[in-house]
Amino acid sequence: MAEATAVAATEMTVEMVKASQLGMKALGAGIAVGLTGIGTGLAEMAIGSAAVGATAENKDIFGLVLLLTVIPETIVIFGLVVGLLLLF
């Protein structure tokens, strides 16, 4: 009797499998956005300080510095797109 109860407790229904798959998709989307956000933050840490220093010394390179600061921010947009593709 106890063996039959243990087997019944480990079986997964179709609804349980679908809910688990939906949860894994959401987890994957969250990891994609979160890790790209962390990567962007780490990149911005070094680039931002160097950009401010370079702009303080020569104000003529502000456009170039702004472009170099914006490029790493596109990484998180890619992560967001991947996350949305996983969810929908």
N, C-alpha and C. Protein backbone atom coordinates (compact mmCIF):
# COMPACT_ATOMS: atom_id res chain seq x y z
N MET A 1 0.82 -1.20 0.00
CA MET A 1 0.00 0.00 0.00
C MET A 1 0.85 1.24 0.00
N ALA A 2 1.89 1.25 0.82
CA ALA A 2 2.77 2.42 0.88
C ALA A 2 3.53 2.60 -0.43
N GLU A 3 3.86 1.45 -1.09
CA GLU A 3 4.57 1.54 -2.36
C GLU A 3 3.69 2.17 -3.43
N ALA A 4 2.41 1.80 -3.48
CA ALA A 4 1.48 2.39 -4.45
C ALA A 4 1.29 3.87 -4.20
N THR A 5 1.26 4.28 -2.97
CA THR A 5 1.12 5.70 -2.63
C THR A 5 2.35 6.48 -3.06
N ALA A 6 3.53 5.89 -2.91
CA ALA A 6 4.76 6.57 -3.31
C ALA A 6 4.83 6.73 -4.81
N VAL A 7 4.40 5.73 -5.59
CA VAL A 7 4.41 5.81 -7.05
C VAL A 7 3.41 6.86 -7.51
N ALA A 8 2.24 6.90 -6.91
CA ALA A 8 1.22 7.88 -7.29
C ALA A 8 1.68 9.29 -6.98
N ALA A 9 2.45 9.46 -5.92
CA ALA A 9 2.92 10.80 -5.56
C ALA A 9 3.98 11.30 -6.51
N THR A 10 4.75 10.42 -7.17
CA THR A 10 5.80 10.86 -8.07
C THR A 10 5.32 11.06 -9.50
N GLU A 11 4.14 10.54 -9.85
CA GLU A 11 3.63 10.72 -11.21
C GLU A 11 3.21 12.17 -11.40
N MET A 12 3.49 12.69 -12.60
CA MET A 12 3.12 14.06 -12.91
C MET A 12 1.98 14.04 -13.91
N THR A 13 1.03 14.88 -13.69
CA THR A 13 -0.08 15.00 -14.63
C THR A 13 0.32 15.93 -15.77
N VAL A 14 -0.47 15.96 -16.81
CA VAL A 14 -0.19 16.82 -17.96
C VAL A 14 -0.20 18.29 -17.54
N GLU A 15 -1.12 18.64 -16.66
CA GLU A 15 -1.20 20.02 -16.19
C GLU A 15 0.04 20.40 -15.40
N MET A 16 0.55 19.47 -14.63
CA MET A 16 1.76 19.73 -13.85
C MET A 16 2.96 19.91 -14.77
N VAL A 17 3.02 19.11 -15.84
CA VAL A 17 4.14 19.22 -16.78
C VAL A 17 4.07 20.56 -17.51
N LYS A 18 2.86 20.96 -17.95
CA LYS A 18 2.72 22.24 -18.65
C LYS A 18 3.07 23.41 -17.73
N ALA A 19 2.65 23.35 -16.49
CA ALA A 19 2.98 24.41 -15.54
C ALA A 19 4.48 24.46 -15.29
N SER A 20 5.11 23.30 -15.23
CA SER A 20 6.55 23.25 -15.02
C SER A 20 7.29 23.83 -16.22
N GLN A 21 6.81 23.52 -17.44
CA GLN A 21 7.44 24.07 -18.64
C GLN A 21 7.29 25.58 -18.69
N LEU A 22 6.13 26.09 -18.32
CA LEU A 22 5.91 27.54 -18.30
C LEU A 22 6.82 28.21 -17.27
N GLY A 23 6.99 27.57 -16.14
CA GLY A 23 7.88 28.10 -15.13
C GLY A 23 9.33 28.11 -15.58
N MET A 24 9.75 27.06 -16.29
CA MET A 24 11.11 27.02 -16.81
C MET A 24 11.34 28.10 -17.86
N LYS A 25 10.33 28.35 -18.70
CA LYS A 25 10.44 29.43 -19.69
C LYS A 25 10.61 30.78 -18.99
N ALA A 26 9.81 31.02 -17.98
CA ALA A 26 9.91 32.28 -17.24
C ALA A 26 11.25 32.40 -16.54
N LEU A 27 11.74 31.29 -16.01
CA LEU A 27 13.05 31.30 -15.36
C LEU A 27 14.15 31.60 -16.36
N GLY A 28 14.08 30.99 -17.54
CA GLY A 28 15.07 31.25 -18.58
C GLY A 28 15.04 32.69 -19.05
N ALA A 29 13.85 33.25 -19.19
CA ALA A 29 13.73 34.65 -19.61
C ALA A 29 14.31 35.57 -18.54
N GLY A 30 14.05 35.27 -17.30
CA GLY A 30 14.59 36.08 -16.22
C GLY A 30 16.10 36.00 -16.15
N ILE A 31 16.64 34.83 -16.36
CA ILE A 31 18.10 34.67 -16.36
C ILE A 31 18.72 35.43 -17.53
N ALA A 32 18.06 35.38 -18.70
CA ALA A 32 18.60 36.08 -19.88
C ALA A 32 18.65 37.59 -19.63
N VAL A 33 17.60 38.14 -19.09
CA VAL A 33 17.58 39.58 -18.85
C VAL A 33 18.51 39.94 -17.68
N GLY A 34 18.52 39.14 -16.65
CA GLY A 34 19.34 39.45 -15.48
C GLY A 34 20.83 39.39 -15.77
N LEU A 35 21.27 38.35 -16.46
CA LEU A 35 22.70 38.23 -16.74
C LEU A 35 23.18 39.29 -17.72
N THR A 36 22.35 39.64 -18.70
CA THR A 36 22.76 40.70 -19.61
C THR A 36 22.79 42.05 -18.89
N GLY A 37 21.89 42.23 -17.94
CA GLY A 37 21.92 43.46 -17.15
C GLY A 37 23.18 43.55 -16.30
N ILE A 38 23.59 42.43 -15.72
CA ILE A 38 24.82 42.42 -14.93
C ILE A 38 26.03 42.68 -15.84
N GLY A 39 26.04 42.06 -17.02
CA GLY A 39 27.14 42.29 -17.96
C GLY A 39 27.22 43.74 -18.40
N THR A 40 26.07 44.33 -18.65
CA THR A 40 26.04 45.73 -19.04
C THR A 40 26.54 46.62 -17.90
N GLY A 41 26.14 46.32 -16.71
CA GLY A 41 26.59 47.10 -15.57
C GLY A 41 28.08 47.03 -15.37
N LEU A 42 28.64 45.83 -15.54
CA LEU A 42 30.09 45.69 -15.41
C LEU A 42 30.82 46.44 -16.50
N ALA A 43 30.29 46.41 -17.72
CA ALA A 43 30.92 47.14 -18.82
C ALA A 43 30.82 48.64 -18.61
N GLU A 44 29.67 49.08 -18.15
CA GLU A 44 29.47 50.52 -17.93
C GLU A 44 30.34 51.04 -16.80
N MET A 45 30.69 50.18 -15.88
CA MET A 45 31.50 50.60 -14.74
C MET A 45 32.84 51.16 -15.23
N ALA A 46 33.50 50.45 -16.12
CA ALA A 46 34.81 50.90 -16.60
C ALA A 46 34.67 51.98 -17.66
N ILE A 47 33.72 51.80 -18.54
CA ILE A 47 33.57 52.75 -19.65
C ILE A 47 33.09 54.10 -19.15
N GLY A 48 32.17 54.10 -18.22
CA GLY A 48 31.62 55.35 -17.72
C GLY A 48 32.65 56.22 -17.05
N SER A 49 33.47 55.61 -16.22
CA SER A 49 34.49 56.43 -15.54
C SER A 49 35.53 56.94 -16.53
N ALA A 50 35.91 56.13 -17.49
CA ALA A 50 36.87 56.58 -18.50
C ALA A 50 36.25 57.67 -19.37
N ALA A 51 34.96 57.54 -19.67
CA ALA A 51 34.29 58.54 -20.50
C ALA A 51 34.22 59.88 -19.80
N VAL A 52 33.91 59.87 -18.54
CA VAL A 52 33.84 61.13 -17.79
C VAL A 52 35.22 61.78 -17.72
N GLY A 53 36.25 60.98 -17.51
CA GLY A 53 37.60 61.52 -17.45
C GLY A 53 38.04 62.09 -18.79
N ALA A 54 37.74 61.38 -19.87
CA ALA A 54 38.13 61.87 -21.20
C ALA A 54 37.37 63.13 -21.56
N THR A 55 36.10 63.19 -21.21
CA THR A 55 35.30 64.38 -21.51
C THR A 55 35.77 65.57 -20.68
N ALA A 56 36.20 65.32 -19.47
CA ALA A 56 36.70 66.42 -18.63
C ALA A 56 37.97 67.02 -19.20
N GLU A 57 38.79 66.18 -19.83
CA GLU A 57 40.03 66.68 -20.42
C GLU A 57 39.81 67.34 -21.77
N ASN A 58 38.91 66.78 -22.58
CA ASN A 58 38.68 67.32 -23.92
C ASN A 58 37.19 67.24 -24.23
N LYS A 59 36.53 68.38 -24.22
CA LYS A 59 35.09 68.39 -24.42
C LYS A 59 34.69 68.15 -25.87
N ASP A 60 35.62 68.17 -26.79
CA ASP A 60 35.31 67.95 -28.20
C ASP A 60 34.99 66.49 -28.51
N ILE A 61 35.38 65.57 -27.67
CA ILE A 61 35.14 64.15 -27.93
C ILE A 61 33.89 63.64 -27.22
N PHE A 62 33.02 64.55 -26.82
CA PHE A 62 31.82 64.13 -26.08
C PHE A 62 30.94 63.18 -26.90
N GLY A 63 30.76 63.46 -28.19
CA GLY A 63 29.92 62.60 -29.04
C GLY A 63 30.47 61.19 -29.12
N LEU A 64 31.76 61.06 -29.34
CA LEU A 64 32.38 59.73 -29.40
C LEU A 64 32.25 59.00 -28.07
N VAL A 65 32.47 59.72 -26.99
CA VAL A 65 32.38 59.11 -25.66
C VAL A 65 30.95 58.66 -25.39
N LEU A 66 30.00 59.48 -25.80
CA LEU A 66 28.60 59.10 -25.61
C LEU A 66 28.26 57.84 -26.39
N LEU A 67 28.77 57.75 -27.61
CA LEU A 67 28.54 56.55 -28.43
C LEU A 67 29.16 55.32 -27.77
N LEU A 68 30.36 55.46 -27.26
CA LEU A 68 31.02 54.32 -26.60
C LEU A 68 30.33 53.93 -25.31
N THR A 69 29.66 54.87 -24.69
CA THR A 69 28.91 54.56 -23.47
C THR A 69 27.61 53.84 -23.78
N VAL A 70 27.02 54.15 -24.92
CA VAL A 70 25.71 53.59 -25.27
C VAL A 70 25.84 52.16 -25.81
N ILE A 71 26.94 51.85 -26.45
CA ILE A 71 27.10 50.53 -27.08
C ILE A 71 26.88 49.37 -26.10
N PRO A 72 27.46 49.37 -24.91
CA PRO A 72 27.21 48.24 -23.99
C PRO A 72 25.75 48.14 -23.54
N GLU A 73 25.04 49.24 -23.59
CA GLU A 73 23.64 49.18 -23.17
C GLU A 73 22.77 48.41 -24.14
N THR A 74 23.26 48.22 -25.36
CA THR A 74 22.48 47.42 -26.32
C THR A 74 22.47 45.95 -25.93
N ILE A 75 23.44 45.53 -25.15
CA ILE A 75 23.51 44.12 -24.74
C ILE A 75 22.27 43.75 -23.94
N VAL A 76 21.85 44.63 -23.06
CA VAL A 76 20.67 44.32 -22.25
C VAL A 76 19.41 44.31 -23.10
N ILE A 77 19.40 45.10 -24.18
CA ILE A 77 18.25 45.05 -25.09
C ILE A 77 18.20 43.68 -25.77
N PHE A 78 19.36 43.16 -26.16
CA PHE A 78 19.39 41.82 -26.74
C PHE A 78 18.87 40.78 -25.75
N GLY A 79 19.25 40.91 -24.50
CA GLY A 79 18.76 39.99 -23.47
C GLY A 79 17.26 40.10 -23.29
N LEU A 80 16.75 41.33 -23.36
CA LEU A 80 15.30 41.52 -23.25
C LEU A 80 14.57 40.89 -24.43
N VAL A 81 15.13 41.03 -25.62
CA VAL A 81 14.51 40.42 -26.80
C VAL A 81 14.51 38.90 -26.67
N VAL A 82 15.62 38.34 -26.23
CA VAL A 82 15.68 36.88 -26.04
C VAL A 82 14.67 36.43 -24.99
N GLY A 83 14.56 37.21 -23.92
CA GLY A 83 13.59 36.87 -22.89
C GLY A 83 12.16 36.92 -23.39
N LEU A 84 11.85 37.93 -24.19
CA LEU A 84 10.49 38.02 -24.75
C LEU A 84 10.23 36.90 -25.74
N LEU A 85 11.25 36.53 -26.52
CA LEU A 85 11.08 35.41 -27.46
C LEU A 85 10.84 34.10 -26.71
N LEU A 86 11.48 33.96 -25.56
CA LEU A 86 11.26 32.74 -24.77
C LEU A 86 9.84 32.68 -24.21
N LEU A 87 9.31 33.84 -23.85
CA LEU A 87 8.00 33.85 -23.22
C LEU A 87 6.85 33.74 -24.23
N PHE A 88 7.05 34.32 -25.42
CA PHE A 88 5.94 34.35 -26.39
C PHE A 88 6.24 33.58 -27.65
